[in-house]
Amino acid sequence: MRTLIRTILATLALVVPAFAADGSVGKGSSLLLILFLGFAALIVVFQFIPGLVLFFSMLKGIFTAAPKKASVTHEKK
């Protein structure tokens, strides 16, 4: 049992510094990543514009008065 506890403590002592690493050694964003994010943003914008047009036409349909139906009279001969 003591051997198991010592093994676990030794493993944890070696692993704890790895959790403390901040990971700030990265290179930064690559050009492909920036282009991909820009393309995704363009897709969102180009889908947002028709959505706004549809939304405002729906609001216009809700808040405008319905046209009155003309009464049809049939004349008999």
N, C-alpha and C. Protein backbone atom coordinates (compact mmCIF):
# COMPACT_ATOMS: atom_id res chain seq x y z
N MET A 1 0.83 -1.19 0.00
CA MET A 1 0.00 0.00 0.00
C MET A 1 0.87 1.26 0.00
N ARG A 2 1.99 1.19 0.79
CA ARG A 2 2.87 2.36 0.84
C ARG A 2 3.53 2.60 -0.51
N THR A 3 3.84 1.53 -1.20
CA THR A 3 4.48 1.67 -2.50
C THR A 3 3.53 2.36 -3.49
N LEU A 4 2.27 2.00 -3.43
CA LEU A 4 1.26 2.60 -4.30
C LEU A 4 1.11 4.10 -4.01
N ILE A 5 1.06 4.47 -2.76
CA ILE A 5 0.93 5.88 -2.39
C ILE A 5 2.17 6.66 -2.82
N ARG A 6 3.34 6.08 -2.61
CA ARG A 6 4.57 6.77 -3.03
C ARG A 6 4.63 6.92 -4.56
N THR A 7 4.17 5.93 -5.27
CA THR A 7 4.15 6.01 -6.73
C THR A 7 3.20 7.11 -7.21
N ILE A 8 2.04 7.18 -6.60
CA ILE A 8 1.06 8.22 -6.96
C ILE A 8 1.61 9.60 -6.62
N LEU A 9 2.21 9.76 -5.45
CA LEU A 9 2.77 11.06 -5.07
C LEU A 9 3.93 11.47 -5.99
N ALA A 10 4.75 10.53 -6.37
CA ALA A 10 5.86 10.84 -7.27
C ALA A 10 5.33 11.24 -8.64
N THR A 11 4.30 10.56 -9.11
CA THR A 11 3.70 10.91 -10.40
C THR A 11 3.08 12.30 -10.34
N LEU A 12 2.37 12.60 -9.27
CA LEU A 12 1.76 13.92 -9.13
C LEU A 12 2.81 15.02 -9.01
N ALA A 13 3.91 14.73 -8.37
CA ALA A 13 4.97 15.73 -8.24
C ALA A 13 5.59 16.04 -9.59
N LEU A 14 5.63 15.09 -10.48
CA LEU A 14 6.19 15.33 -11.81
C LEU A 14 5.16 15.97 -12.75
N VAL A 15 3.89 15.78 -12.50
CA VAL A 15 2.84 16.27 -13.40
C VAL A 15 2.43 17.70 -13.07
N VAL A 16 2.51 18.11 -11.84
CA VAL A 16 2.04 19.44 -11.42
C VAL A 16 2.71 20.58 -12.18
N PRO A 17 4.02 20.57 -12.45
CA PRO A 17 4.60 21.67 -13.23
C PRO A 17 4.03 21.77 -14.65
N ALA A 18 3.58 20.66 -15.21
CA ALA A 18 2.98 20.69 -16.55
C ALA A 18 1.67 21.46 -16.52
N PHE A 19 0.92 21.38 -15.43
CA PHE A 19 -0.33 22.12 -15.31
C PHE A 19 -0.07 23.61 -15.12
N ALA A 20 1.09 23.96 -14.63
CA ALA A 20 1.40 25.36 -14.38
C ALA A 20 1.88 26.09 -15.63
N ALA A 21 2.17 25.38 -16.71
CA ALA A 21 2.65 26.01 -17.94
C ALA A 21 1.54 26.87 -18.53
N ASP A 22 1.89 28.07 -18.99
CA ASP A 22 0.86 28.98 -19.50
C ASP A 22 0.66 28.83 -21.00
N GLY A 23 1.53 28.19 -21.71
CA GLY A 23 1.33 27.93 -23.13
C GLY A 23 1.52 29.15 -24.01
N SER A 24 2.26 30.14 -23.55
CA SER A 24 2.43 31.36 -24.33
C SER A 24 3.61 31.30 -25.29
N VAL A 25 4.04 30.11 -25.60
CA VAL A 25 5.19 29.95 -26.46
C VAL A 25 4.76 29.84 -27.92
N GLY A 26 3.44 29.91 -28.19
CA GLY A 26 2.92 29.72 -29.54
C GLY A 26 3.41 30.75 -30.52
N LYS A 27 3.28 30.44 -31.81
CA LYS A 27 3.76 31.31 -32.87
C LYS A 27 2.79 32.44 -33.18
N GLY A 28 1.54 32.28 -32.84
CA GLY A 28 0.55 33.28 -33.20
C GLY A 28 -0.36 32.74 -34.29
N SER A 29 -1.21 33.60 -34.82
CA SER A 29 -2.16 33.18 -35.83
C SER A 29 -1.50 33.14 -37.21
N SER A 30 -1.80 32.10 -37.93
CA SER A 30 -1.25 31.98 -39.28
C SER A 30 -2.16 32.70 -40.27
N LEU A 31 -1.68 32.90 -41.46
CA LEU A 31 -2.45 33.59 -42.50
C LEU A 31 -3.68 32.78 -42.89
N LEU A 32 -3.56 31.46 -42.94
CA LEU A 32 -4.70 30.62 -43.30
C LEU A 32 -5.80 30.71 -42.26
N LEU A 33 -5.44 30.79 -41.00
CA LEU A 33 -6.44 30.93 -39.96
C LEU A 33 -7.18 32.25 -40.08
N ILE A 34 -6.45 33.33 -40.34
CA ILE A 34 -7.08 34.64 -40.50
C ILE A 34 -8.00 34.65 -41.71
N LEU A 35 -7.56 34.05 -42.83
CA LEU A 35 -8.40 33.98 -44.01
C LEU A 35 -9.65 33.14 -43.77
N PHE A 36 -9.51 32.04 -43.05
CA PHE A 36 -10.67 31.20 -42.74
C PHE A 36 -11.67 31.95 -41.87
N LEU A 37 -11.19 32.64 -40.85
CA LEU A 37 -12.10 33.39 -39.98
C LEU A 37 -12.76 34.54 -40.74
N GLY A 38 -12.02 35.18 -41.64
CA GLY A 38 -12.61 36.23 -42.46
C GLY A 38 -13.69 35.70 -43.38
N PHE A 39 -13.44 34.53 -43.98
CA PHE A 39 -14.44 33.91 -44.85
C PHE A 39 -15.68 33.54 -44.06
N ALA A 40 -15.51 33.00 -42.86
CA ALA A 40 -16.65 32.66 -42.02
C ALA A 40 -17.44 33.91 -41.64
N ALA A 41 -16.75 35.03 -41.37
CA ALA A 41 -17.43 36.28 -41.05
C ALA A 41 -18.21 36.79 -42.25
N LEU A 42 -17.67 36.64 -43.45
CA LEU A 42 -18.40 37.05 -44.65
C LEU A 42 -19.66 36.23 -44.85
N ILE A 43 -19.59 34.95 -44.58
CA ILE A 43 -20.78 34.10 -44.69
C ILE A 43 -21.85 34.57 -43.71
N VAL A 44 -21.46 34.88 -42.49
CA VAL A 44 -22.42 35.34 -41.49
C VAL A 44 -23.05 36.67 -41.93
N VAL A 45 -22.24 37.59 -42.42
CA VAL A 45 -22.76 38.90 -42.84
C VAL A 45 -23.71 38.74 -44.02
N PHE A 46 -23.33 37.93 -45.01
CA PHE A 46 -24.17 37.77 -46.19
C PHE A 46 -25.45 36.98 -45.89
N GLN A 47 -25.50 36.25 -44.82
CA GLN A 47 -26.74 35.61 -44.41
C GLN A 47 -27.56 36.52 -43.50
N PHE A 48 -26.92 37.47 -42.88
CA PHE A 48 -27.61 38.38 -41.97
C PHE A 48 -28.44 39.40 -42.73
N ILE A 49 -27.95 39.86 -43.87
CA ILE A 49 -28.66 40.89 -44.65
C ILE A 49 -30.01 40.37 -45.15
N PRO A 50 -30.12 39.21 -45.80
CA PRO A 50 -31.45 38.73 -46.20
C PRO A 50 -32.35 38.45 -44.99
N GLY A 51 -31.75 38.05 -43.89
CA GLY A 51 -32.55 37.83 -42.68
C GLY A 51 -33.18 39.12 -42.19
N LEU A 52 -32.42 40.21 -42.25
CA LEU A 52 -32.98 41.51 -41.84
C LEU A 52 -34.09 41.95 -42.78
N VAL A 53 -33.90 41.76 -44.09
CA VAL A 53 -34.93 42.13 -45.06
C VAL A 53 -36.20 41.34 -44.79
N LEU A 54 -36.07 40.04 -44.54
CA LEU A 54 -37.22 39.21 -44.25
C LEU A 54 -37.90 39.62 -42.95
N PHE A 55 -37.12 39.96 -41.95
CA PHE A 55 -37.67 40.37 -40.66
C PHE A 55 -38.46 41.66 -40.79
N PHE A 56 -37.91 42.66 -41.51
CA PHE A 56 -38.61 43.93 -41.63
C PHE A 56 -39.83 43.81 -42.53
N SER A 57 -39.81 42.94 -43.53
CA SER A 57 -41.01 42.74 -44.33
C SER A 57 -42.09 42.02 -43.51
N MET A 58 -41.67 41.15 -42.58
CA MET A 58 -42.64 40.51 -41.70
C MET A 58 -43.27 41.54 -40.77
N LEU A 59 -42.45 42.43 -40.22
CA LEU A 59 -42.99 43.48 -39.35
C LEU A 59 -43.93 44.39 -40.12
N LYS A 60 -43.59 44.71 -41.36
CA LYS A 60 -44.46 45.54 -42.18
C LYS A 60 -45.79 44.84 -42.42
N GLY A 61 -45.78 43.57 -42.67
CA GLY A 61 -47.01 42.81 -42.86
C GLY A 61 -47.85 42.73 -41.62
N ILE A 62 -47.22 42.71 -40.46
CA ILE A 62 -47.97 42.61 -39.21
C ILE A 62 -48.62 43.95 -38.86
N PHE A 63 -47.89 45.03 -39.04
CA PHE A 63 -48.38 46.32 -38.55
C PHE A 63 -49.09 47.18 -39.58
N THR A 64 -49.22 46.75 -40.81
CA THR A 64 -50.01 47.52 -41.77
C THR A 64 -51.41 46.93 -41.83
N ALA A 65 -52.36 47.80 -42.14
CA ALA A 65 -53.75 47.36 -42.20
C ALA A 65 -53.96 46.49 -43.44
N ALA A 66 -54.80 45.50 -43.27
CA ALA A 66 -55.11 44.62 -44.39
C ALA A 66 -55.97 45.38 -45.39
N PRO A 67 -55.75 45.19 -46.68
CA PRO A 67 -56.58 45.90 -47.66
C PRO A 67 -58.03 45.40 -47.60
N LYS A 68 -58.95 46.36 -47.73
CA LYS A 68 -60.36 46.00 -47.69
C LYS A 68 -60.76 45.34 -49.00
N LYS A 69 -61.55 44.31 -48.88
CA LYS A 69 -61.99 43.61 -50.07
C LYS A 69 -63.14 44.38 -50.71
N ALA A 70 -63.07 44.52 -52.01
CA ALA A 70 -64.16 45.21 -52.71
C ALA A 70 -65.35 44.27 -52.83
N SER A 71 -66.51 44.84 -52.63
CA SER A 71 -67.71 44.00 -52.74
C SER A 71 -68.05 43.82 -54.21
N VAL A 72 -68.38 42.63 -54.55
CA VAL A 72 -68.69 42.31 -55.94
C VAL A 72 -70.20 42.23 -56.07
N THR A 73 -70.71 43.01 -57.00
CA THR A 73 -72.17 42.98 -57.25
C THR A 73 -72.39 42.36 -58.62
N HIS A 74 -73.31 41.45 -58.67
CA HIS A 74 -73.64 40.79 -59.92
C HIS A 74 -74.97 41.37 -60.40
N GLU A 75 -74.95 41.84 -61.60
CA GLU A 75 -76.19 42.36 -62.19
C GLU A 75 -76.82 41.26 -63.02
N LYS A 76 -78.10 41.11 -62.84
CA LYS A 76 -78.83 40.12 -63.64
C LYS A 76 -79.45 40.82 -64.83
N LYS A 77 -79.43 40.17 -65.96
CA LYS A 77 -80.04 40.75 -67.16
C LYS A 77 -81.36 40.13 -67.46
